Amino acid sequence: LPAPLDRTLTEEEYRTVTDRAAELGFT
């Protein structure tokens, strides 16, 4: 698979998304 799909997700990447979900009000 081409980069970056040749690796798993990093903790920082996932936290960026979950933090934004909380900011948007998803509960």
PDB file of all heavy atoms in Angstrom:
ATOM      1  N   LEU A   1       0.837  -1.194   0.000  1.00  0.00           N
ATOM      2  CA  LEU A   1       0.000   0.000   0.000  1.00  0.00           C
ATOM      3  C   LEU A   1       0.878   1.251   0.000  1.00  0.00           C
ATOM      4  O   LEU A   1       1.956   1.271   0.603  1.00  0.00           O
ATOM      5  CB  LEU A   1      -0.911   0.017   1.226  1.00  0.00           C
ATOM      6  CG  LEU A   1      -2.030  -1.020   1.256  1.00  0.00           C
ATOM      7  CD1 LEU A   1      -2.809  -0.921   2.549  1.00  0.00           C
ATOM      8  CD2 LEU A   1      -2.953  -0.850   0.058  1.00  0.00           C
ATOM      9  N   PRO A   2       0.431   2.325  -0.648  1.00  0.00           N
ATOM     10  CA  PRO A   2       1.234   3.548  -0.682  1.00  0.00           C
ATOM     11  C   PRO A   2       1.252   4.238   0.681  1.00  0.00           C
ATOM     12  O   PRO A   2       0.294   4.126   1.459  1.00  0.00           O
ATOM     13  CB  PRO A   2       0.508   4.408  -1.726  1.00  0.00           C
ATOM     14  CG  PRO A   2      -0.922   3.947  -1.649  1.00  0.00           C
ATOM     15  CD  PRO A   2      -0.845   2.473  -1.397  1.00  0.00           C
ATOM     16  N   ALA A   3       2.322   4.956   0.959  1.00  0.00           N
ATOM     17  CA  ALA A   3       2.376   5.764   2.171  1.00  0.00           C
ATOM     18  C   ALA A   3       1.301   6.861   2.070  1.00  0.00           C
ATOM     19  O   ALA A   3       1.030   7.365   0.966  1.00  0.00           O
ATOM     20  CB  ALA A   3       3.758   6.378   2.325  1.00  0.00           C
ATOM     21  N   PRO A   4       0.662   7.201   3.186  1.00  0.00           N
ATOM     22  CA  PRO A   4       0.872   6.738   4.559  1.00  0.00           C
ATOM     23  C   PRO A   4       0.008   5.539   4.950  1.00  0.00           C
ATOM     24  O   PRO A   4      -0.062   5.190   6.137  1.00  0.00           O
ATOM     25  CB  PRO A   4       0.480   7.968   5.377  1.00  0.00           C
ATOM     26  CG  PRO A   4      -0.625   8.595   4.574  1.00  0.00           C
ATOM     27  CD  PRO A   4      -0.264   8.365   3.134  1.00  0.00           C
ATOM     28  N   LEU A   5      -0.654   4.899   3.984  1.00  0.00           N
ATOM     29  CA  LEU A   5      -1.513   3.759   4.324  1.00  0.00           C
ATOM     30  C   LEU A   5      -0.714   2.506   4.652  1.00  0.00           C
ATOM     31  O   LEU A   5      -1.299   1.482   5.013  1.00  0.00           O
ATOM     32  CB  LEU A   5      -2.479   3.458   3.173  1.00  0.00           C
ATOM     33  CG  LEU A   5      -3.501   4.540   2.835  1.00  0.00           C
ATOM     34  CD1 LEU A   5      -4.450   4.046   1.752  1.00  0.00           C
ATOM     35  CD2 LEU A   5      -4.292   4.978   4.065  1.00  0.00           C
ATOM     36  N   ASP A   6       0.601   2.583   4.557  1.00  0.00           N
ATOM     37  CA  ASP A   6       1.447   1.428   4.869  1.00  0.00           C
ATOM     38  C   ASP A   6       1.813   1.357   6.343  1.00  0.00           C
ATOM     39  O   ASP A   6       2.685   0.579   6.733  1.00  0.00           O
ATOM     40  CB  ASP A   6       2.712   1.460   4.004  1.00  0.00           C
ATOM     41  CG  ASP A   6       3.537   2.733   4.196  1.00  0.00           C
ATOM     42  OD1 ASP A   6       3.040   3.690   4.838  1.00  0.00           O
ATOM     43  OD2 ASP A   6       4.677   2.789   3.695  1.00  0.00           O
ATOM     44  N   ARG A   7       1.161   2.174   7.153  1.00  0.00           N
ATOM     45  CA  ARG A   7       1.429   2.158   8.599  1.00  0.00           C
ATOM     46  C   ARG A   7       0.118   2.308   9.361  1.00  0.00           C
ATOM     47  O   ARG A   7      -0.924   2.600   8.773  1.00  0.00           O
ATOM     48  CB  ARG A   7       2.384   3.294   8.984  1.00  0.00           C
ATOM     49  CG  ARG A   7       1.801   4.689   8.741  1.00  0.00           C
ATOM     50  CD  ARG A   7       2.703   5.773   9.327  1.00  0.00           C
ATOM     51  NE  ARG A   7       2.258   7.133   9.017  1.00  0.00           N
ATOM     52  CZ  ARG A   7       1.342   7.806   9.720  1.00  0.00           C
ATOM     53  NH1 ARG A   7       0.739   7.232  10.765  1.00  0.00           N
ATOM     54  NH2 ARG A   7       1.022   9.046   9.388  1.00  0.00           N
ATOM     55  N   THR A   8       0.190   2.105  10.670  1.00  0.00           N
ATOM     56  CA  THR A   8      -0.982   2.300  11.512  1.00  0.00           C
ATOM     57  C   THR A   8      -1.050   3.760  11.976  1.00  0.00           C
ATOM     58  O   THR A   8      -0.152   4.558  11.733  1.00  0.00           O
ATOM     59  CB  THR A   8      -0.940   1.369  12.729  1.00  0.00           C
ATOM     60  OG1 THR A   8       0.287   1.570  13.444  1.00  0.00           O
ATOM     61  CG2 THR A   8      -1.050  -0.090  12.307  1.00  0.00           C
ATOM     62  N   LEU A   9      -2.116   4.064  12.647  1.00  0.00           N
ATOM     63  CA  LEU A   9      -2.377   5.412  13.140  1.00  0.00           C
ATOM     64  C   LEU A   9      -1.502   5.707  14.360  1.00  0.00           C
ATOM     65  O   LEU A   9      -1.218   4.813  15.163  1.00  0.00           O
ATOM     66  CB  LEU A   9      -3.853   5.491  13.528  1.00  0.00           C
ATOM     67  CG  LEU A   9      -4.541   6.834  13.701  1.00  0.00           C
ATOM     68  CD1 LEU A   9      -4.583   7.588  12.381  1.00  0.00           C
ATOM     69  CD2 LEU A   9      -5.969   6.599  14.221  1.00  0.00           C
ATOM     70  N   THR A  10      -1.097   6.956  14.511  1.00  0.00           N
ATOM     71  CA  THR A  10      -0.354   7.335  15.711  1.00  0.00           C
ATOM     72  C   THR A  10      -1.318   7.864  16.773  1.00  0.00           C
ATOM     73  O   THR A  10      -2.437   8.299  16.478  1.00  0.00           O
ATOM     74  CB  THR A  10       0.682   8.426  15.412  1.00  0.00           C
ATOM     75  OG1 THR A  10       0.001   9.649  15.082  1.00  0.00           O
ATOM     76  CG2 THR A  10       1.595   8.010  14.266  1.00  0.00           C
ATOM     77  N   GLU A  11      -0.856   7.825  18.004  1.00  0.00           N
ATOM     78  CA  GLU A  11      -1.672   8.340  19.110  1.00  0.00           C
ATOM     79  C   GLU A  11      -1.975   9.827  18.915  1.00  0.00           C
ATOM     80  O   GLU A  11      -3.092  10.283  19.173  1.00  0.00           O
ATOM     81  CB  GLU A  11      -0.942   8.130  20.438  1.00  0.00           C
ATOM     82  CG  GLU A  11      -1.747   8.552  21.647  1.00  0.00           C
ATOM     83  CD  GLU A  11      -1.052   8.217  22.953  1.00  0.00           C
ATOM     84  OE1 GLU A  11      -0.020   7.505  22.913  1.00  0.00           O
ATOM     85  OE2 GLU A  11      -1.541   8.671  24.010  1.00  0.00           O
ATOM     86  N   GLU A  12      -1.009  10.591  18.426  1.00  0.00           N
ATOM     87  CA  GLU A  12      -1.216  12.023  18.207  1.00  0.00           C
ATOM     88  C   GLU A  12      -2.281  12.272  17.141  1.00  0.00           C
ATOM     89  O   GLU A  12      -3.132  13.159  17.294  1.00  0.00           O
ATOM     90  CB  GLU A  12       0.102  12.688  17.803  1.00  0.00           C
ATOM     91  CG  GLU A  12      -0.020  14.193  17.564  1.00  0.00           C
ATOM     92  CD  GLU A  12       1.295  14.827  17.155  1.00  0.00           C
ATOM     93  OE1 GLU A  12       2.297  14.099  17.026  1.00  0.00           O
ATOM     94  OE2 GLU A  12       1.315  16.063  16.953  1.00  0.00           O
ATOM     95  N   GLU A  13      -2.252  11.494  16.058  1.00  0.00           N
ATOM     96  CA  GLU A  13      -3.239  11.658  14.999  1.00  0.00           C
ATOM     97  C   GLU A  13      -4.651  11.384  15.524  1.00  0.00           C
ATOM     98  O   GLU A  13      -5.584  12.159  15.267  1.00  0.00           O
ATOM     99  CB  GLU A  13      -2.923  10.718  13.836  1.00  0.00           C
ATOM    100  CG  GLU A  13      -1.723  11.143  13.006  1.00  0.00           C
ATOM    101  CD  GLU A  13      -1.320  10.100  11.984  1.00  0.00           C
ATOM    102  OE1 GLU A  13      -1.476   8.882  12.271  1.00  0.00           O
ATOM    103  OE2 GLU A  13      -0.849  10.491  10.892  1.00  0.00           O
ATOM    104  N   TYR A  14      -4.797  10.310  16.259  1.00  0.00           N
ATOM    105  CA  TYR A  14      -6.124   9.951  16.753  1.00  0.00           C
ATOM    106  C   TYR A  14      -6.620  10.971  17.776  1.00  0.00           C
ATOM    107  O   TYR A  14      -7.785  11.356  17.778  1.00  0.00           O
ATOM    108  CB  TYR A  14      -6.092   8.554  17.360  1.00  0.00           C
ATOM    109  CG  TYR A  14      -7.464   7.990  17.648  1.00  0.00           C
ATOM    110  CD1 TYR A  14      -8.465   7.994  16.674  1.00  0.00           C
ATOM    111  CD2 TYR A  14      -7.757   7.428  18.892  1.00  0.00           C
ATOM    112  CE1 TYR A  14      -9.715   7.457  16.930  1.00  0.00           C
ATOM    113  CE2 TYR A  14      -8.999   6.888  19.155  1.00  0.00           C
ATOM    114  CZ  TYR A  14      -9.981   6.909  18.170  1.00  0.00           C
ATOM    115  OH  TYR A  14     -11.221   6.379  18.441  1.00  0.00           O
ATOM    116  N   ARG A  15      -5.710  11.446  18.628  1.00  0.00           N
ATOM    117  CA  ARG A  15      -6.107  12.444  19.630  1.00  0.00           C
ATOM    118  C   ARG A  15      -6.558  13.738  18.958  1.00  0.00           C
ATOM    119  O   ARG A  15      -7.501  14.397  19.420  1.00  0.00           O
ATOM    120  CB  ARG A  15      -4.957  12.731  20.591  1.00  0.00           C
ATOM    121  CG  ARG A  15      -5.383  13.647  21.769  1.00  0.00           C
ATOM    122  CD  ARG A  15      -4.227  14.044  22.655  1.00  0.00           C
ATOM    123  NE  ARG A  15      -3.524  12.881  23.158  1.00  0.00           N
ATOM    124  CZ  ARG A  15      -2.258  12.583  22.850  1.00  0.00           C
ATOM    125  NH1 ARG A  15      -1.579  13.371  22.007  1.00  0.00           N
ATOM    126  NH2 ARG A  15      -1.685  11.520  23.359  1.00  0.00           N
ATOM    127  N   THR A  16      -5.918  14.116  17.867  1.00  0.00           N
ATOM    128  CA  THR A  16      -6.334  15.315  17.132  1.00  0.00           C
ATOM    129  C   THR A  16      -7.799  15.218  16.728  1.00  0.00           C
ATOM    130  O   THR A  16      -8.571  16.178  16.836  1.00  0.00           O
ATOM    131  CB  THR A  16      -5.456  15.498  15.876  1.00  0.00           C
ATOM    132  OG1 THR A  16      -4.107  15.743  16.283  1.00  0.00           O
ATOM    133  CG2 THR A  16      -5.936  16.664  15.027  1.00  0.00           C
ATOM    134  N   VAL A  17      -8.199  14.042  16.278  1.00  0.00           N
ATOM    135  CA  VAL A  17      -9.574  13.843  15.807  1.00  0.00           C
ATOM    136  C   VAL A  17     -10.540  13.749  16.979  1.00  0.00           C
ATOM    137  O   VAL A  17     -11.619  14.364  16.968  1.00  0.00           O
ATOM    138  CB  VAL A  17      -9.655  12.602  14.907  1.00  0.00           C
ATOM    139  CG1 VAL A  17     -11.088  12.368  14.438  1.00  0.00           C
ATOM    140  CG2 VAL A  17      -8.731  12.762  13.699  1.00  0.00           C
ATOM    141  N   THR A  18     -10.202  12.992  18.012  1.00  0.00           N
ATOM    142  CA  THR A  18     -11.121  12.856  19.147  1.00  0.00           C
ATOM    143  C   THR A  18     -11.278  14.190  19.887  1.00  0.00           C
ATOM    144  O   THR A  18     -12.374  14.505  20.357  1.00  0.00           O
ATOM    145  CB  THR A  18     -10.649  11.755  20.110  1.00  0.00           C
ATOM    146  OG1 THR A  18      -9.312  12.035  20.559  1.00  0.00           O
ATOM    147  CG2 THR A  18     -10.666  10.401  19.426  1.00  0.00           C
ATOM    148  N   ASP A  19     -10.210  14.964  19.973  1.00  0.00           N
ATOM    149  CA  ASP A  19     -10.316  16.280  20.613  1.00  0.00           C
ATOM    150  C   ASP A  19     -11.259  17.192  19.831  1.00  0.00           C
ATOM    151  O   ASP A  19     -12.064  17.923  20.413  1.00  0.00           O
ATOM    152  CB  ASP A  19      -8.937  16.935  20.719  1.00  0.00           C
ATOM    153  CG  ASP A  19      -8.061  16.336  21.806  1.00  0.00           C
ATOM    154  OD1 ASP A  19      -8.574  15.502  22.584  1.00  0.00           O
ATOM    155  OD2 ASP A  19      -6.868  16.697  21.869  1.00  0.00           O
ATOM    156  N   ARG A  20     -11.185  17.130  18.501  1.00  0.00           N
ATOM    157  CA  ARG A  20     -12.060  17.966  17.681  1.00  0.00           C
ATOM    158  C   ARG A  20     -13.511  17.521  17.822  1.00  0.00           C
ATOM    159  O   ARG A  20     -14.426  18.357  17.849  1.00  0.00           O
ATOM    160  CB  ARG A  20     -11.624  17.902  16.216  1.00  0.00           C
ATOM    161  CG  ARG A  20     -12.451  18.794  15.282  1.00  0.00           C
ATOM    162  CD  ARG A  20     -12.413  20.249  15.707  1.00  0.00           C
ATOM    163  NE  ARG A  20     -13.133  21.106  14.775  1.00  0.00           N
ATOM    164  CZ  ARG A  20     -13.748  22.224  15.127  1.00  0.00           C
ATOM    165  NH1 ARG A  20     -13.738  22.634  16.399  1.00  0.00           N
ATOM    166  NH2 ARG A  20     -14.367  22.964  14.223  1.00  0.00           N
ATOM    167  N   ALA A  21     -13.749  16.230  17.933  1.00  0.00           N
ATOM    168  CA  ALA A  21     -15.109  15.739  18.135  1.00  0.00           C
ATOM    169  C   ALA A  21     -15.688  16.294  19.425  1.00  0.00           C
ATOM    170  O   ALA A  21     -16.859  16.711  19.477  1.00  0.00           O
ATOM    171  CB  ALA A  21     -15.121  14.212  18.152  1.00  0.00           C
ATOM    172  N   ALA A  22     -14.881  16.316  20.468  1.00  0.00           N
ATOM    173  CA  ALA A  22     -15.347  16.877  21.744  1.00  0.00           C
ATOM    174  C   ALA A  22     -15.628  18.367  21.609  1.00  0.00           C
ATOM    175  O   ALA A  22     -16.632  18.873  22.127  1.00  0.00           O
ATOM    176  CB  ALA A  22     -14.305  16.617  22.829  1.00  0.00           C
ATOM    177  N   GLU A  23     -14.763  19.096  20.899  1.00  0.00           N
ATOM    178  CA  GLU A  23     -14.971  20.535  20.694  1.00  0.00           C
ATOM    179  C   GLU A  23     -16.269  20.825  19.943  1.00  0.00           C
ATOM    180  O   GLU A  23     -16.947  21.824  20.212  1.00  0.00           O
ATOM    181  CB  GLU A  23     -13.789  21.125  19.910  1.00  0.00           C
ATOM    182  CG  GLU A  23     -12.478  21.170  20.676  1.00  0.00           C
ATOM    183  CD  GLU A  23     -11.323  21.563  19.767  1.00  0.00           C
ATOM    184  OE1 GLU A  23     -11.558  21.820  18.564  1.00  0.00           O
ATOM    185  OE2 GLU A  23     -10.171  21.599  20.257  1.00  0.00           O
ATOM    186  N   LEU A  24     -16.626  19.940  19.022  1.00  0.00           N
ATOM    187  CA  LEU A  24     -17.835  20.127  18.219  1.00  0.00           C
ATOM    188  C   LEU A  24     -19.105  19.730  18.973  1.00  0.00           C
ATOM    189  O   LEU A  24     -20.205  19.952  18.476  1.00  0.00           O
ATOM    190  CB  LEU A  24     -17.732  19.331  16.915  1.00  0.00           C
ATOM    191  CG  LEU A  24     -16.721  19.866  15.895  1.00  0.00           C
ATOM    192  CD1 LEU A  24     -16.502  18.848  14.774  1.00  0.00           C
ATOM    193  CD2 LEU A  24     -17.189  21.206  15.317  1.00  0.00           C
ATOM    194  N   GLY A  25     -18.943  19.124  20.141  1.00  0.00           N
ATOM    195  CA  GLY A  25     -20.102  18.810  20.969  1.00  0.00           C
ATOM    196  C   GLY A  25     -20.605  17.393  20.886  1.00  0.00           C
ATOM    197  O   GLY A  25     -21.672  17.082  21.426  1.00  0.00           O
ATOM    198  N   PHE A  26     -19.858  16.498  20.233  1.00  0.00           N
ATOM    199  CA  PHE A  26     -20.299  15.105  20.174  1.00  0.00           C
ATOM    200  C   PHE A  26     -20.150  14.461  21.555  1.00  0.00           C
ATOM    201  O   PHE A  26     -19.056  14.406  22.107  1.00  0.00           O
ATOM    202  CB  PHE A  26     -19.487  14.326  19.137  1.00  0.00           C
ATOM    203  CG  PHE A  26     -19.806  14.707  17.721  1.00  0.00           C
ATOM    204  CD1 PHE A  26     -18.978  15.572  17.016  1.00  0.00           C
ATOM    205  CD2 PHE A  26     -20.945  14.229  17.096  1.00  0.00           C
ATOM    206  CE1 PHE A  26     -19.270  15.942  15.710  1.00  0.00           C
ATOM    207  CE2 PHE A  26     -21.253  14.591  15.792  1.00  0.00           C
ATOM    208  CZ  PHE A  26     -20.422  15.450  15.099  1.00  0.00           C
ATOM    209  N   THR A  27     -21.255  14.013  22.092  1.00  0.00           N
ATOM    210  CA  THR A  27     -21.248  13.440  23.438  1.00  0.00           C
ATOM    211  C   THR A  27     -21.676  11.982  23.468  1.00  0.00           C
ATOM    212  O   THR A  27     -21.498  11.306  24.489  1.00  0.00           O
ATOM    213  CB  THR A  27     -22.180  14.233  24.363  1.00  0.00           C
ATOM    214  OG1 THR A  27     -23.510  14.227  23.814  1.00  0.00           O
ATOM    215  CG2 THR A  27     -21.701  15.670  24.531  1.00  0.00           C
TER     216      THR A  27
END
